[in-house]
Protein backbone atom coordinates (compact mmCIF):
# COMPACT_ATOMS: atom_id res chain seq x y z
CA UNK A 1 8.04 -12.72 1.33
CA UNK A 2 4.66 -11.31 0.37
CA UNK A 3 3.76 -10.52 -3.20
CA UNK A 4 2.23 -7.20 -4.12
CA UNK A 5 -0.30 -6.96 -6.88
CA UNK A 6 0.64 -4.31 -9.40
CA UNK A 7 -2.03 -1.94 -10.65
CA UNK A 8 -1.40 -0.98 -14.28
CA UNK A 9 -0.75 2.67 -15.00
CA UNK A 10 -4.07 4.41 -15.15
CA UNK A 11 -5.03 7.15 -17.55
CA UNK A 12 -7.82 8.99 -15.74
CA UNK A 13 -9.15 10.55 -18.94
CA UNK A 14 -11.83 7.89 -19.67
CA UNK A 15 -13.28 8.34 -16.17
CA UNK A 16 -13.16 12.13 -16.40
CA UNK A 17 -14.90 11.99 -19.79
CA UNK A 18 -17.59 9.68 -18.38
CA UNK A 19 -18.21 12.03 -15.46
CA UNK A 20 -18.47 14.98 -17.85
CA UNK A 21 -20.84 13.09 -20.21
CA UNK A 22 -23.06 12.10 -17.29
CA UNK A 23 -23.45 15.70 -16.11
CA UNK A 24 -20.78 15.82 -13.40
CA UNK A 25 -21.14 12.48 -11.62
CA UNK A 26 -21.14 8.76 -12.33
CA UNK A 27 -21.56 5.63 -10.28
CA UNK A 28 -18.63 3.62 -8.99
CA UNK A 29 -19.81 0.66 -11.08
CA UNK A 30 -19.96 2.76 -14.26
CA UNK A 31 -16.37 3.89 -13.66
CA UNK A 32 -15.28 0.28 -13.07
CA UNK A 33 -16.83 -0.74 -16.39
CA UNK A 34 -14.98 2.05 -18.22
CA UNK A 35 -11.70 0.73 -16.85
CA UNK A 36 -12.61 -2.87 -17.63
CA UNK A 37 -13.21 -1.83 -21.24
CA UNK A 38 -9.74 -0.23 -21.10
CA UNK A 39 -8.31 -3.71 -20.38
CA UNK A 40 -8.20 -3.68 -16.59
CA UNK A 41 -9.43 -6.63 -14.59
CA UNK A 42 -12.43 -5.78 -12.44
CA UNK A 43 -10.38 -5.97 -9.24
CA UNK A 44 -7.59 -3.79 -10.68
CA UNK A 45 -10.18 -1.25 -11.83
CA UNK A 46 -11.71 -1.13 -8.33
CA UNK A 47 -8.25 -0.78 -6.79
CA UNK A 48 -7.42 2.08 -9.15
CA UNK A 49 -10.65 3.92 -8.33
CA UNK A 50 -10.07 3.53 -4.60
CA UNK A 51 -6.57 4.90 -5.12
CA UNK A 52 -8.03 7.92 -6.94
CA UNK A 53 -10.43 8.44 -4.05
CA UNK A 54 -7.60 8.09 -1.54
CA UNK A 55 -5.41 10.55 -3.48
CA UNK A 56 -8.25 13.07 -3.68
CA UNK A 57 -8.42 12.98 -7.49
CA UNK A 58 -12.02 11.77 -7.21
CA UNK A 59 -14.51 12.08 -4.41
CA UNK A 60 -17.91 10.73 -3.46
CA UNK A 61 -21.02 12.88 -3.44
CA UNK A 62 -23.55 12.54 -0.62
CA UNK A 63 -25.42 9.90 -2.66
CA UNK A 64 -22.21 7.89 -3.34
CA UNK A 65 -21.65 9.02 -6.92
CA UNK A 66 -18.13 9.81 -8.13
CA UNK A 67 -17.20 13.36 -9.03
CA UNK A 68 -14.13 15.47 -9.67
CA UNK A 69 -13.36 17.68 -6.64
């Protein structure tokens, strides 16, 4: 039986606030650090961001910054 790693429930508000403060975009690494400060491990933070990208709640700009669609 394989074990699945659980990603803690994510409140997107800190990322949305960061994007707003930075003028509409932020780097992937900046978003990871916001989640790490919110008590996520670095790998869980990356997983959560990729999930947001997959779900369409965030998207990449042409220069690989994160933005709200």
